[in-house]
Each structure stands twice: as C-alpha cells, then as structure tokens.
Amino acid sequence: MNFRSHPSSFSFGNTALLTLAAFSLLGAGVVQADRPTGAGSGQSVLVDGDSEKYLLRHQLAPNQTVRYKVTHVAKTKTRMNGTEEVANVHTTSVRSWKVRNADENKMTFDHQIDSVEMTQQNGDQAEVRWDSTNDKEPPKIFSVVAEQIGTPLATVTIDGKGEEIKRESHAGSKSSLGMGSLTLALPADPVAIGESWSVPSEIQARTDDGQVKTIKIRQVYTLKKVKAGVATISVKSQTLTPIDQESLRAQVVQQLSNGSIRFDVDNGYLLGKELDWDETVVGFQGPGSMMEYRARMTEELVDATAVKSAAKPNRSRR
C-alpha cells in the first residue's frame, strides 16, 4: 500500500497506480478474514424449497477461460489555498481467469490482463492516451501497466466460497482501491432473499502526524433477488474504526465499495459488477480545503471471441 501526504497526490502523482488497480482488481491490499467451511459444491443452489434458501458457490472447470470487460471512470477535484485541481482517469480493460485445474474442493487459475485502453488528464496538462491493442509504445506513465499485459499477474487457488487457499503473485498492484477482491466472497451457509453476510477488511492510512493507522471495515453483502438463475447481490462497505481526522477520511472514502453484483448461481461465476463513489470531504488539509471524488466501475462478462489481443510493447527500449 502506498501512503500519501494528501489525497490529491492519489490522483495527480499516482494516477498510473490507480489505473493499474482499476483493471487488475487484485485486491491484495484488503485483508480478508477466514470464513467457516460450508457445504461443498455440486448441490442444488435452491436447497430448501419452503424457505427458498440458495447455496452460492464458485464453480470453474479445468481449461476454462472466463473473461471480463472492466471500465473505470474517476474524477477527483481538490481545492487547497484557493487553488483548484482536477484529475480525470478513464480505463477500459479486459481481464481473464485461465483455469489450470479444478475439482469439487478447490480451483486454481491464472489471472491476467489481456488488453487495456487508458486516458488520463491532470489539471491543464495535455490528455494522455494509450490503447494496448493498437499502440505498441506506451507513454512513460503507463509503462509499468504495459509490461504486465498478457502475462499472469497471479496464480490463485480458491475454494467454492471464493476464499483464497493459496496465491502466487507475479506482478500487479497491491491496492484494491475499493473495487473489491479478486473473487466474490460467498457465505458458508445457504441464504434466503434479504439475508446478509459480511467480510472483515482493513485499510491503512497516514495520520496528520505521519503515523500509519489501520482502519477496520467490513464488506456487507445482501442477497436482493434470484431470477432466472441470476443472483443480484448488493455490497456496501461499513467503517468500524472511528475516524477523527478529515485527512484520514479523504484517504478512506476512495477505498470503500457501494454497489451491486450479479452472480450466475447455476454455473458458479460472476456475471457483472457495478460500483459507485460520490464523496466530498471538507477540511482534509486545513480550513478551506476540499476534496470531491466521483467514480464508477463496471465489470461485465464478455464473449472470448469478441476480445482482441493486446499488442506487445517494444521492450528492447527499456
């Protein structure tokens, strides 16, 4: 996790980090607690016809490839000492899970980025664009991102609940930026419509005196409905640690999740995700300072045949 003196540098000085996390969604910066073991996969998702409880489980098959299109748009406006700055980021990427092996107890897959298109603009500076499918030479600010396209960022083993059993990280950002962990955390037991489950997490931020403070949060998931084999699940972050400094709040709000998820209960994988941020923090760097953060992230399952492969950058000039 990178710590910053104030949240404006999150967007202006480290936009490439934000972009990388936006399309990688590795989630390693959020510590997820262990969950109790539930029933194994292979059972009917509707386990009790009277109470209509659903057993939600990830199910992957050997040699299966699952791809997602991820779009992240963010605008950060900061005002300090009468000066206002605006940073805009727009990232569209395709990521994939390539399953190595799978059985009823665990699944192992390589997570990688297949392509990415990025746009960034800070204040009055010229807009910077790069499309990995057409432009072989990335701008310097996107060079780290470019080097990680087309190769596994991590090899991950999960169980049916989405709990990580093992992870071998190869590259990529260690910050989730509130976009969720790599897999959807599912409850150990069957759930009915309206029931919730939660997963503890931690965020680290820097206080006004330079100390690192751990902020405890939890992701609360609620099963809203199940229709035609698709579960709609809401997700909302709740802060558990009291925050008494606005500078801390400015760092934390950008890493909280609020939105909805669609999950295929019959086939056992994520169909889509929508997260939104609309936050204003006043006084984060003294009187008169203000930060506004507006962002949206969407993730959609895509047909593999519609995905264009990324063009590799010329690495001989590195």
C-alpha atoms as a PDB file:
ATOM      1  CA  MET A   1       0.000   0.000   0.000  1.00  0.00           C
ATOM      2  CA  ASN A   2       1.372   3.415  -0.916  1.00  0.00           C
ATOM      3  CA  PHE A   3       0.839   6.199   1.617  1.00  0.00           C
ATOM      4  CA  ARG A   4       0.414   9.799   0.537  1.00  0.00           C
ATOM      5  CA  SER A   5       0.648  13.113   2.289  1.00  0.00           C
ATOM      6  CA  HIS A   6      -2.758  14.148   0.976  1.00  0.00           C
ATOM      7  CA  PRO A   7      -5.356  12.568  -1.272  1.00  0.00           C
ATOM      8  CA  SER A   8      -4.755  14.906  -4.180  1.00  0.00           C
ATOM      9  CA  SER A   9      -1.480  13.098  -4.814  1.00  0.00           C
ATOM     10  CA  PHE A  10      -3.504   9.915  -5.057  1.00  0.00           C
ATOM     11  CA  SER A  11      -4.844  11.172  -8.360  1.00  0.00           C
ATOM     12  CA  PHE A  12      -2.214  13.621  -9.595  1.00  0.00           C
ATOM     13  CA  GLY A  13       1.039  11.891  -8.670  1.00  0.00           C
ATOM     14  CA  ASN A  14      -0.014   8.265  -8.729  1.00  0.00           C
ATOM     15  CA  THR A  15      -2.673   8.020 -11.414  1.00  0.00           C
ATOM     16  CA  ALA A  16      -0.871   5.085 -13.017  1.00  0.00           C
ATOM     17  CA  LEU A  17      -1.272   3.170  -9.757  1.00  0.00           C
ATOM     18  CA  LEU A  18      -4.983   3.960  -9.733  1.00  0.00           C
ATOM     19  CA  THR A  19      -5.251   2.848 -13.350  1.00  0.00           C
ATOM     20  CA  LEU A  20      -3.395  -0.396 -12.699  1.00  0.00           C
ATOM     21  CA  ALA A  21      -5.580  -1.259  -9.740  1.00  0.00           C
ATOM     22  CA  ALA A  22      -8.672  -0.361 -11.718  1.00  0.00           C
ATOM     23  CA  PHE A  23      -8.061  -3.008 -14.339  1.00  0.00           C
ATOM     24  CA  SER A  24      -6.228  -5.596 -12.244  1.00  0.00           C
ATOM     25  CA  LEU A  25      -8.647  -5.766  -9.295  1.00  0.00           C
ATOM     26  CA  LEU A  26      -6.148  -7.901  -7.433  1.00  0.00           C
ATOM     27  CA  GLY A  27      -7.497  -6.922  -4.034  1.00  0.00           C
ATOM     28  CA  ALA A  28      -4.318  -7.891  -2.191  1.00  0.00           C
ATOM     29  CA  GLY A  29      -4.350  -4.627  -0.273  1.00  0.00           C
ATOM     30  CA  VAL A  30      -7.555  -5.619   1.505  1.00  0.00           C
ATOM     31  CA  VAL A  31      -7.057  -8.262   4.165  1.00  0.00           C
ATOM     32  CA  GLN A  32      -9.950 -10.715   4.110  1.00  0.00           C
ATOM     33  CA  ALA A  33     -10.578 -12.826   7.205  1.00  0.00           C
ATOM     34  CA  ASP A  34     -11.053 -16.592   7.098  1.00  0.00           C
ATOM     35  CA  ARG A  35     -14.611 -17.836   6.887  1.00  0.00           C
ATOM     36  CA  PRO A  36     -16.063 -21.082   8.256  1.00  0.00           C
ATOM     37  CA  THR A  37     -16.300 -24.018   5.899  1.00  0.00           C
ATOM     38  CA  GLY A  38     -19.701 -24.525   4.285  1.00  0.00           C
ATOM     39  CA  ALA A  39     -21.319 -27.228   2.199  1.00  0.00           C
ATOM     40  CA  GLY A  40     -19.406 -28.431  -0.821  1.00  0.00           C
ATOM     41  CA  SER A  41     -20.241 -27.668  -4.434  1.00  0.00           C
ATOM     42  CA  GLY A  42     -22.373 -29.938  -6.566  1.00  0.00           C
ATOM     43  CA  GLN A  43     -25.573 -29.418  -4.599  1.00  0.00           C
ATOM     44  CA  SER A  44     -28.649 -27.674  -5.927  1.00  0.00           C
ATOM     45  CA  VAL A  45     -28.479 -23.920  -5.440  1.00  0.00           C
ATOM     46  CA  LEU A  46     -32.035 -23.997  -4.095  1.00  0.00           C
ATOM     47  CA  VAL A  47     -31.502 -26.156  -1.040  1.00  0.00           C
ATOM     48  CA  ASP A  48     -34.837 -25.623   0.686  1.00  0.00           C
ATOM     49  CA  GLY A  49     -37.939 -25.139  -1.417  1.00  0.00           C
ATOM     50  CA  ASP A  50     -40.036 -23.944   1.536  1.00  0.00           C
ATOM     51  CA  SER A  51     -37.747 -21.194   2.778  1.00  0.00           C
ATOM     52  CA  GLU A  52     -36.082 -20.652  -0.640  1.00  0.00           C
ATOM     53  CA  LYS A  53     -32.521 -20.634   0.575  1.00  0.00           C
ATOM     54  CA  TYR A  54     -29.759 -20.630  -2.011  1.00  0.00           C
ATOM     55  CA  LEU A  55     -26.324 -22.218  -1.797  1.00  0.00           C
ATOM     56  CA  LEU A  56     -23.960 -19.843  -3.634  1.00  0.00           C
ATOM     57  CA  ARG A  57     -20.698 -21.376  -4.852  1.00  0.00           C
ATOM     58  CA  HIS A  58     -17.965 -20.659  -7.375  1.00  0.00           C
ATOM     59  CA  GLN A  59     -17.624 -23.428  -9.959  1.00  0.00           C
ATOM     60  CA  LEU A  60     -14.818 -23.489 -12.507  1.00  0.00           C
ATOM     61  CA  ALA A  61     -13.768 -26.248 -14.897  1.00  0.00           C
ATOM     62  CA  PRO A  62     -10.268 -27.296 -15.988  1.00  0.00           C
ATOM     63  CA  ASN A  63      -9.045 -25.383 -19.085  1.00  0.00           C
ATOM     64  CA  GLN A  64     -11.957 -22.939 -18.805  1.00  0.00           C
ATOM     65  CA  THR A  65     -11.268 -19.267 -19.544  1.00  0.00           C
ATOM     66  CA  VAL A  66     -13.548 -16.578 -18.113  1.00  0.00           C
ATOM     67  CA  ARG A  67     -13.113 -13.010 -19.375  1.00  0.00           C
ATOM     68  CA  TYR A  68     -14.419  -9.666 -18.126  1.00  0.00           C
ATOM     69  CA  LYS A  69     -14.523  -6.156 -19.529  1.00  0.00           C
ATOM     70  CA  VAL A  70     -13.762  -3.643 -16.774  1.00  0.00           C
ATOM     71  CA  THR A  71     -14.471   0.079 -17.151  1.00  0.00           C
ATOM     72  CA  HIS A  72     -13.342   2.572 -14.526  1.00  0.00           C
ATOM     73  CA  VAL A  73     -14.038   6.308 -14.720  1.00  0.00           C
ATOM     74  CA  ALA A  74     -12.902   8.655 -11.929  1.00  0.00           C
ATOM     75  CA  LYS A  75     -12.801  12.396 -11.353  1.00  0.00           C
ATOM     76  CA  THR A  76     -11.017  13.882  -8.353  1.00  0.00           C
ATOM     77  CA  LYS A  77     -11.293  17.602  -7.594  1.00  0.00           C
ATOM     78  CA  THR A  78      -9.200  19.162  -4.831  1.00  0.00           C
ATOM     79  CA  ARG A  79      -9.146  22.730  -3.558  1.00  0.00           C
ATOM     80  CA  MET A  80      -6.271  23.967  -1.410  1.00  0.00           C
ATOM     81  CA  ASN A  81      -5.170  27.546  -0.611  1.00  0.00           C
ATOM     82  CA  GLY A  82      -7.574  28.882  -3.223  1.00  0.00           C
ATOM     83  CA  THR A  83      -6.188  26.653  -5.970  1.00  0.00           C
ATOM     84  CA  GLU A  84      -8.366  24.006  -7.577  1.00  0.00           C
ATOM     85  CA  GLU A  85      -7.055  20.976  -9.449  1.00  0.00           C
ATOM     86  CA  VAL A  86      -8.966  18.287 -11.322  1.00  0.00           C
ATOM     87  CA  ALA A  87      -7.746  14.835 -12.335  1.00  0.00           C
ATOM     88  CA  ASN A  88      -9.647  12.530 -14.701  1.00  0.00           C
ATOM     89  CA  VAL A  89      -8.959   8.860 -15.373  1.00  0.00           C
ATOM     90  CA  HIS A  90     -10.761   6.547 -17.810  1.00  0.00           C
ATOM     91  CA  THR A  91      -9.651   2.918 -18.123  1.00  0.00           C
ATOM     92  CA  THR A  92     -11.209   0.098 -20.136  1.00  0.00           C
ATOM     93  CA  SER A  93      -9.575  -3.312 -19.879  1.00  0.00           C
ATOM     94  CA  VAL A  94     -10.197  -6.991 -20.461  1.00  0.00           C
ATOM     95  CA  ARG A  95      -9.035  -9.420 -17.777  1.00  0.00           C
ATOM     96  CA  SER A  96      -9.225 -13.177 -17.735  1.00  0.00           C
ATOM     97  CA  TRP A  97      -9.099 -16.194 -15.470  1.00  0.00           C
ATOM     98  CA  LYS A  98      -7.413 -19.163 -17.131  1.00  0.00           C
ATOM     99  CA  VAL A  99      -8.239 -22.244 -15.092  1.00  0.00           C
ATOM    100  CA  ARG A 100      -5.365 -24.670 -14.612  1.00  0.00           C
ATOM    101  CA  ASN A 101      -7.239 -27.317 -12.668  1.00  0.00           C
ATOM    102  CA  ALA A 102     -10.414 -27.656 -10.627  1.00  0.00           C
ATOM    103  CA  ASP A 103     -12.314 -30.175  -8.540  1.00  0.00           C
ATOM    104  CA  GLU A 104     -15.203 -30.054  -6.076  1.00  0.00           C
ATOM    105  CA  ASN A 105     -12.988 -28.616  -3.315  1.00  0.00           C
ATOM    106  CA  LYS A 106     -10.701 -26.085  -4.991  1.00  0.00           C
ATOM    107  CA  MET A 107      -9.921 -24.286  -8.244  1.00  0.00           C
ATOM    108  CA  THR A 108      -6.603 -22.878  -9.481  1.00  0.00           C
ATOM    109  CA  PHE A 109      -6.388 -20.215 -12.180  1.00  0.00           C
ATOM    110  CA  ASP A 110      -4.021 -17.639 -13.669  1.00  0.00           C
ATOM    111  CA  HIS A 111      -5.296 -14.078 -13.547  1.00  0.00           C
ATOM    112  CA  GLN A 112      -4.055 -11.779 -16.298  1.00  0.00           C
ATOM    113  CA  ILE A 113      -4.870  -8.637 -18.258  1.00  0.00           C
ATOM    114  CA  ASP A 114      -5.450  -9.215 -21.980  1.00  0.00           C
ATOM    115  CA  SER A 115      -5.766  -5.601 -23.120  1.00  0.00           C
ATOM    116  CA  VAL A 116      -6.223  -2.088 -21.765  1.00  0.00           C
ATOM    117  CA  GLU A 117      -7.151   1.356 -23.050  1.00  0.00           C
ATOM    118  CA  MET A 118      -6.280   4.266 -20.761  1.00  0.00           C
ATOM    119  CA  THR A 119      -6.868   8.002 -20.706  1.00  0.00           C
ATOM    120  CA  GLN A 120      -5.543  10.393 -18.089  1.00  0.00           C
ATOM    121  CA  GLN A 121      -5.653  14.163 -17.675  1.00  0.00           C
ATOM    122  CA  ASN A 122      -4.319  16.173 -14.737  1.00  0.00           C
ATOM    123  CA  GLY A 123      -5.366  19.799 -14.468  1.00  0.00           C
ATOM    124  CA  ASP A 124      -4.389  21.837 -17.534  1.00  0.00           C
ATOM    125  CA  GLN A 125      -1.897  19.244 -18.751  1.00  0.00           C
ATOM    126  CA  ALA A 126      -2.438  17.556 -22.087  1.00  0.00           C
ATOM    127  CA  GLU A 127      -4.530  14.408 -22.091  1.00  0.00           C
ATOM    128  CA  VAL A 128      -2.501  11.182 -22.247  1.00  0.00           C
ATOM    129  CA  ARG A 129      -3.960   8.179 -24.073  1.00  0.00           C
ATOM    130  CA  TRP A 130      -2.815   4.634 -24.779  1.00  0.00           C
ATOM    131  CA  ASP A 131      -4.505   1.600 -26.318  1.00  0.00           C
ATOM    132  CA  SER A 132      -2.586  -1.653 -25.951  1.00  0.00           C
ATOM    133  CA  THR A 133      -4.370  -3.226 -28.930  1.00  0.00           C
ATOM    134  CA  ASN A 134      -3.103  -0.569 -31.364  1.00  0.00           C
ATOM    135  CA  ASP A 135      -0.237   1.406 -29.794  1.00  0.00           C
ATOM    136  CA  LYS A 136       2.940  -0.607 -29.278  1.00  0.00           C
ATOM    137  CA  GLU A 137       4.860   2.103 -27.438  1.00  0.00           C
ATOM    138  CA  PRO A 138       3.119   3.254 -24.227  1.00  0.00           C
ATOM    139  CA  PRO A 139       3.656   6.700 -22.685  1.00  0.00           C
ATOM    140  CA  LYS A 140       6.110   6.569 -19.807  1.00  0.00           C
ATOM    141  CA  ILE A 141       3.371   6.978 -17.210  1.00  0.00           C
ATOM    142  CA  PHE A 142       1.732   3.757 -18.444  1.00  0.00           C
ATOM    143  CA  SER A 143       4.951   1.755 -18.917  1.00  0.00           C
ATOM    144  CA  VAL A 144       4.509  -0.374 -15.777  1.00  0.00           C
ATOM    145  CA  VAL A 145       0.972  -1.243 -16.822  1.00  0.00           C
ATOM    146  CA  ALA A 146       2.143  -2.154 -20.328  1.00  0.00           C
ATOM    147  CA  GLU A 147       4.762  -4.591 -19.059  1.00  0.00           C
ATOM    148  CA  GLN A 148       2.125  -6.575 -17.184  1.00  0.00           C
ATOM    149  CA  ILE A 149      -0.294  -7.134 -20.050  1.00  0.00           C
ATOM    150  CA  GLY A 150      -0.574 -10.662 -21.411  1.00  0.00           C
ATOM    151  CA  THR A 151       1.280 -12.379 -18.585  1.00  0.00           C
ATOM    152  CA  PRO A 152      -0.195 -13.810 -15.367  1.00  0.00           C
ATOM    153  CA  LEU A 153      -0.403 -11.277 -12.537  1.00  0.00           C
ATOM    154  CA  ALA A 154      -1.129 -14.038 -10.050  1.00  0.00           C
ATOM    155  CA  THR A 155      -1.844 -17.745  -9.783  1.00  0.00           C
ATOM    156  CA  VAL A 156      -4.682 -18.191  -7.312  1.00  0.00           C
ATOM    157  CA  THR A 157      -6.298 -21.206  -5.674  1.00  0.00           C
ATOM    158  CA  ILE A 158      -9.766 -20.703  -4.176  1.00  0.00           C
ATOM    159  CA  ASP A 159     -12.492 -22.844  -2.679  1.00  0.00           C
ATOM    160  CA  GLY A 160     -16.154 -22.725  -3.604  1.00  0.00           C
ATOM    161  CA  LYS A 161     -16.803 -19.767  -1.287  1.00  0.00           C
ATOM    162  CA  GLY A 162     -14.190 -17.680  -3.084  1.00  0.00           C
ATOM    163  CA  GLU A 163     -11.805 -17.904  -0.139  1.00  0.00           C
ATOM    164  CA  GLU A 164      -8.168 -17.871  -1.213  1.00  0.00           C
ATOM    165  CA  ILE A 165      -6.309 -21.034  -0.254  1.00  0.00           C
ATOM    166  CA  LYS A 166      -3.086 -20.027  -1.980  1.00  0.00           C
ATOM    167  CA  ARG A 167      -1.798 -17.119  -4.060  1.00  0.00           C
ATOM    168  CA  GLU A 168       1.435 -16.762  -6.000  1.00  0.00           C
ATOM    169  CA  SER A 169       1.787 -13.115  -7.034  1.00  0.00           C
ATOM    170  CA  HIS A 170       3.787 -12.409 -10.172  1.00  0.00           C
ATOM    171  CA  ALA A 171       3.122  -8.700 -10.730  1.00  0.00           C
ATOM    172  CA  GLY A 172       0.475  -6.034 -10.329  1.00  0.00           C
ATOM    173  CA  SER A 173      -0.795  -3.500  -7.839  1.00  0.00           C
ATOM    174  CA  LYS A 174      -1.390  -4.462  -4.218  1.00  0.00           C
ATOM    175  CA  SER A 175      -4.212  -1.977  -3.809  1.00  0.00           C
ATOM    176  CA  SER A 176      -7.856  -2.712  -4.451  1.00  0.00           C
ATOM    177  CA  LEU A 177      -8.984   0.920  -4.230  1.00  0.00           C
ATOM    178  CA  GLY A 178     -12.402  -0.195  -3.060  1.00  0.00           C
ATOM    179  CA  MET A 179     -13.057  -2.219  -6.190  1.00  0.00           C
ATOM    180  CA  GLY A 180     -13.350  -5.478  -4.379  1.00  0.00           C
ATOM    181  CA  SER A 181     -11.211  -8.561  -4.051  1.00  0.00           C
ATOM    182  CA  LEU A 182     -10.415 -10.777  -6.999  1.00  0.00           C
ATOM    183  CA  THR A 183     -13.216 -13.227  -6.175  1.00  0.00           C
ATOM    184  CA  LEU A 184     -16.654 -12.667  -4.727  1.00  0.00           C
ATOM    185  CA  ALA A 185     -16.859 -13.704  -1.062  1.00  0.00           C
ATOM    186  CA  LEU A 186     -19.810 -16.101  -0.681  1.00  0.00           C
ATOM    187  CA  PRO A 187     -21.485 -17.186   2.565  1.00  0.00           C
ATOM    188  CA  ALA A 188     -20.651 -20.519   4.188  1.00  0.00           C
ATOM    189  CA  ASP A 189     -24.321 -21.440   4.571  1.00  0.00           C
ATOM    190  CA  PRO A 190     -27.339 -21.164   2.252  1.00  0.00           C
ATOM    191  CA  VAL A 191     -29.028 -17.747   2.320  1.00  0.00           C
ATOM    192  CA  ALA A 192     -32.562 -16.512   1.681  1.00  0.00           C
ATOM    193  CA  ILE A 193     -33.607 -13.329  -0.113  1.00  0.00           C
ATOM    194  CA  GLY A 194     -32.851 -10.375   2.171  1.00  0.00           C
ATOM    195  CA  GLU A 195     -30.186 -12.156   4.221  1.00  0.00           C
ATOM    196  CA  SER A 196     -26.694 -10.667   4.578  1.00  0.00           C
ATOM    197  CA  TRP A 197     -23.146 -11.811   5.252  1.00  0.00           C
ATOM    198  CA  SER A 198     -20.029  -9.766   5.910  1.00  0.00           C
ATOM    199  CA  VAL A 199     -16.274  -9.989   5.380  1.00  0.00           C
ATOM    200  CA  PRO A 200     -13.807  -8.050   7.598  1.00  0.00           C
ATOM    201  CA  SER A 201     -11.167  -5.936   5.866  1.00  0.00           C
ATOM    202  CA  GLU A 202      -8.512  -3.390   6.756  1.00  0.00           C
ATOM    203  CA  ILE A 203      -7.345  -0.131   5.175  1.00  0.00           C
ATOM    204  CA  GLN A 204      -4.095   1.569   6.112  1.00  0.00           C
ATOM    205  CA  ALA A 205      -3.880   5.371   6.055  1.00  0.00           C
ATOM    206  CA  ARG A 206      -1.482   8.028   7.310  1.00  0.00           C
ATOM    207  CA  THR A 207      -2.454  10.440  10.091  1.00  0.00           C
ATOM    208  CA  ASP A 208      -1.639  14.161  10.239  1.00  0.00           C
ATOM    209  CA  ASP A 209       1.449  13.430  12.371  1.00  0.00           C
ATOM    210  CA  GLY A 210       2.766  10.850   9.912  1.00  0.00           C
ATOM    211  CA  GLN A 211       1.732   7.714  11.761  1.00  0.00           C
ATOM    212  CA  VAL A 212       0.230   4.733   9.972  1.00  0.00           C
ATOM    213  CA  LYS A 213      -3.266   3.913  11.206  1.00  0.00           C
ATOM    214  CA  THR A 214      -5.197   0.740  10.448  1.00  0.00           C
ATOM    215  CA  ILE A 215      -8.866   1.362   9.687  1.00  0.00           C
ATOM    216  CA  LYS A 216     -11.086  -1.671  10.180  1.00  0.00           C
ATOM    217  CA  ILE A 217     -14.022  -2.013   7.802  1.00  0.00           C
ATOM    218  CA  ARG A 218     -16.331  -4.748   6.635  1.00  0.00           C
ATOM    219  CA  GLN A 219     -17.931  -5.517   3.312  1.00  0.00           C
ATOM    220  CA  VAL A 220     -21.628  -6.285   3.836  1.00  0.00           C
ATOM    221  CA  TYR A 221     -23.273  -8.382   1.112  1.00  0.00           C
ATOM    222  CA  THR A 222     -27.042  -8.830   0.853  1.00  0.00           C
ATOM    223  CA  LEU A 223     -28.884 -11.250  -1.448  1.00  0.00           C
ATOM    224  CA  LYS A 224     -31.512  -8.989  -3.038  1.00  0.00           C
ATOM    225  CA  LYS A 225     -33.141 -11.405  -5.504  1.00  0.00           C
ATOM    226  CA  VAL A 226     -32.661 -14.531  -7.608  1.00  0.00           C
ATOM    227  CA  LYS A 227     -34.285 -14.603 -11.036  1.00  0.00           C
ATOM    228  CA  ALA A 228     -33.670 -16.947 -13.987  1.00  0.00           C
ATOM    229  CA  GLY A 229     -30.636 -18.392 -12.228  1.00  0.00           C
ATOM    230  CA  VAL A 230     -29.025 -14.996 -11.594  1.00  0.00           C
ATOM    231  CA  ALA A 231     -28.482 -13.680  -8.068  1.00  0.00           C
ATOM    232  CA  THR A 232     -28.387  -9.922  -7.514  1.00  0.00           C
ATOM    233  CA  ILE A 233     -26.235  -9.061  -4.507  1.00  0.00           C
ATOM    234  CA  SER A 234     -25.703  -5.612  -3.006  1.00  0.00           C
ATOM    235  CA  VAL A 235     -22.361  -4.688  -1.425  1.00  0.00           C
ATOM    236  CA  LYS A 236     -21.627  -1.824   0.927  1.00  0.00           C
ATOM    237  CA  SER A 237     -18.529  -1.006   2.988  1.00  0.00           C
ATOM    238  CA  GLN A 238     -19.022  -0.093   6.635  1.00  0.00           C
ATOM    239  CA  THR A 239     -16.278   1.672   8.583  1.00  0.00           C
ATOM    240  CA  LEU A 240     -15.784   0.149  12.040  1.00  0.00           C
ATOM    241  CA  THR A 241     -12.861   2.258  13.289  1.00  0.00           C
ATOM    242  CA  PRO A 242     -13.799   5.820  14.370  1.00  0.00           C
ATOM    243  CA  ILE A 243     -12.208   8.421  12.060  1.00  0.00           C
ATOM    244  CA  ASP A 244     -11.470  11.724  13.792  1.00  0.00           C
ATOM    245  CA  GLN A 245      -9.316  13.369  11.121  1.00  0.00           C
ATOM    246  CA  GLU A 246     -10.643  14.586   7.788  1.00  0.00           C
ATOM    247  CA  SER A 247      -7.293  13.776   6.166  1.00  0.00           C
ATOM    248  CA  LEU A 248      -7.885  10.131   7.103  1.00  0.00           C
ATOM    249  CA  ARG A 249     -11.438  10.256   5.814  1.00  0.00           C
ATOM    250  CA  ALA A 250     -10.204  11.585   2.443  1.00  0.00           C
ATOM    251  CA  GLN A 251      -7.934   8.561   2.075  1.00  0.00           C
ATOM    252  CA  VAL A 252     -10.536   6.033   3.229  1.00  0.00           C
ATOM    253  CA  VAL A 253     -13.571   7.108   1.152  1.00  0.00           C
ATOM    254  CA  GLN A 254     -11.776   6.272  -2.090  1.00  0.00           C
ATOM    255  CA  GLN A 255     -11.342   2.677  -0.907  1.00  0.00           C
ATOM    256  CA  LEU A 256     -14.922   1.901   0.128  1.00  0.00           C
ATOM    257  CA  SER A 257     -17.348  -0.078  -2.037  1.00  0.00           C
ATOM    258  CA  ASN A 258     -21.008   0.620  -2.727  1.00  0.00           C
ATOM    259  CA  GLY A 259     -22.914  -1.102  -5.497  1.00  0.00           C
ATOM    260  CA  SER A 260     -24.343  -4.346  -6.834  1.00  0.00           C
ATOM    261  CA  ILE A 261     -23.107  -7.683  -8.159  1.00  0.00           C
ATOM    262  CA  ARG A 262     -24.734 -10.262 -10.452  1.00  0.00           C
ATOM    263  CA  PHE A 263     -23.755 -13.911  -9.942  1.00  0.00           C
ATOM    264  CA  ASP A 264     -24.689 -16.964 -12.024  1.00  0.00           C
ATOM    265  CA  VAL A 265     -25.879 -19.381  -9.344  1.00  0.00           C
ATOM    266  CA  ASP A 266     -26.213 -22.313 -11.765  1.00  0.00           C
ATOM    267  CA  ASN A 267     -22.799 -22.065 -13.416  1.00  0.00           C
ATOM    268  CA  GLY A 268     -20.925 -20.550 -10.483  1.00  0.00           C
ATOM    269  CA  TYR A 269     -19.227 -17.376 -11.694  1.00  0.00           C
ATOM    270  CA  LEU A 270     -19.533 -13.594 -11.643  1.00  0.00           C
ATOM    271  CA  LEU A 271     -21.665 -12.046 -14.392  1.00  0.00           C
ATOM    272  CA  GLY A 272     -21.188  -8.382 -13.594  1.00  0.00           C
ATOM    273  CA  LYS A 273     -20.448  -5.709 -11.017  1.00  0.00           C
ATOM    274  CA  GLU A 274     -21.309  -2.015 -10.658  1.00  0.00           C
ATOM    275  CA  LEU A 275     -19.699   0.216  -8.012  1.00  0.00           C
ATOM    276  CA  ASP A 276     -20.146   3.955  -7.470  1.00  0.00           C
ATOM    277  CA  TRP A 277     -18.396   6.632  -5.422  1.00  0.00           C
ATOM    278  CA  ASP A 278     -19.788  10.108  -4.680  1.00  0.00           C
ATOM    279  CA  GLU A 279     -17.823  11.622  -1.804  1.00  0.00           C
ATOM    280  CA  THR A 280     -16.959  15.104  -0.557  1.00  0.00           C
ATOM    281  CA  VAL A 281     -14.506  15.763   2.277  1.00  0.00           C
ATOM    282  CA  VAL A 282     -14.099  19.290   3.658  1.00  0.00           C
ATOM    283  CA  GLY A 283     -11.044  20.383   5.649  1.00  0.00           C
ATOM    284  CA  PHE A 284      -8.786  17.452   4.789  1.00  0.00           C
ATOM    285  CA  GLN A 285      -5.744  19.780   4.557  1.00  0.00           C
ATOM    286  CA  GLY A 286      -6.765  22.655   6.806  1.00  0.00           C
ATOM    287  CA  PRO A 287      -9.519  25.283   6.562  1.00  0.00           C
ATOM    288  CA  GLY A 288     -10.749  25.964   3.044  1.00  0.00           C
ATOM    289  CA  SER A 289      -9.521  22.666   1.632  1.00  0.00           C
ATOM    290  CA  MET A 290     -11.946  20.298  -0.052  1.00  0.00           C
ATOM    291  CA  MET A 291     -11.848  17.046  -1.990  1.00  0.00           C
ATOM    292  CA  GLU A 292     -14.582  15.713  -4.269  1.00  0.00           C
ATOM    293  CA  TYR A 293     -14.337  12.154  -5.569  1.00  0.00           C
ATOM    294  CA  ARG A 294     -16.756  10.878  -8.208  1.00  0.00           C
ATOM    295  CA  ALA A 295     -16.157   7.488  -9.800  1.00  0.00           C
ATOM    296  CA  ARG A 296     -17.871   4.482 -11.354  1.00  0.00           C
ATOM    297  CA  MET A 297     -16.597   0.993 -12.069  1.00  0.00           C
ATOM    298  CA  THR A 298     -18.406  -1.643 -14.121  1.00  0.00           C
ATOM    299  CA  GLU A 299     -17.378  -5.206 -14.851  1.00  0.00           C
ATOM    300  CA  GLU A 300     -19.131  -7.432 -17.383  1.00  0.00           C
ATOM    301  CA  LEU A 301     -18.617 -10.996 -18.586  1.00  0.00           C
ATOM    302  CA  VAL A 302     -17.633 -10.954 -22.268  1.00  0.00           C
ATOM    303  CA  ASP A 303     -17.560 -13.448 -25.110  1.00  0.00           C
ATOM    304  CA  ALA A 304     -13.977 -14.614 -25.615  1.00  0.00           C
ATOM    305  CA  THR A 305     -14.365 -14.475 -29.394  1.00  0.00           C
ATOM    306  CA  ALA A 306     -15.075 -10.740 -29.193  1.00  0.00           C
ATOM    307  CA  VAL A 307     -11.826  -9.919 -27.372  1.00  0.00           C
ATOM    308  CA  LYS A 308      -8.937  -8.509 -29.379  1.00  0.00           C
ATOM    309  CA  SER A 309      -5.479  -9.473 -28.137  1.00  0.00           C
ATOM    310  CA  ALA A 310      -3.132  -6.795 -26.876  1.00  0.00           C
ATOM    311  CA  ALA A 311      -0.203  -5.619 -28.936  1.00  0.00           C
ATOM    312  CA  LYS A 312       3.021  -6.203 -27.026  1.00  0.00           C
ATOM    313  CA  PRO A 313       5.168  -3.119 -26.312  1.00  0.00           C
ATOM    314  CA  ASN A 314       8.693  -2.991 -27.680  1.00  0.00           C
ATOM    315  CA  ARG A 315      10.619  -3.837 -24.505  1.00  0.00           C
ATOM    316  CA  SER A 316      14.041  -3.550 -26.125  1.00  0.00           C
ATOM    317  CA  ARG A 317      13.961   0.189 -25.363  1.00  0.00           C
ATOM    318  CA  ARG A 318      13.528  -0.301 -21.641  1.00  0.00           C
END
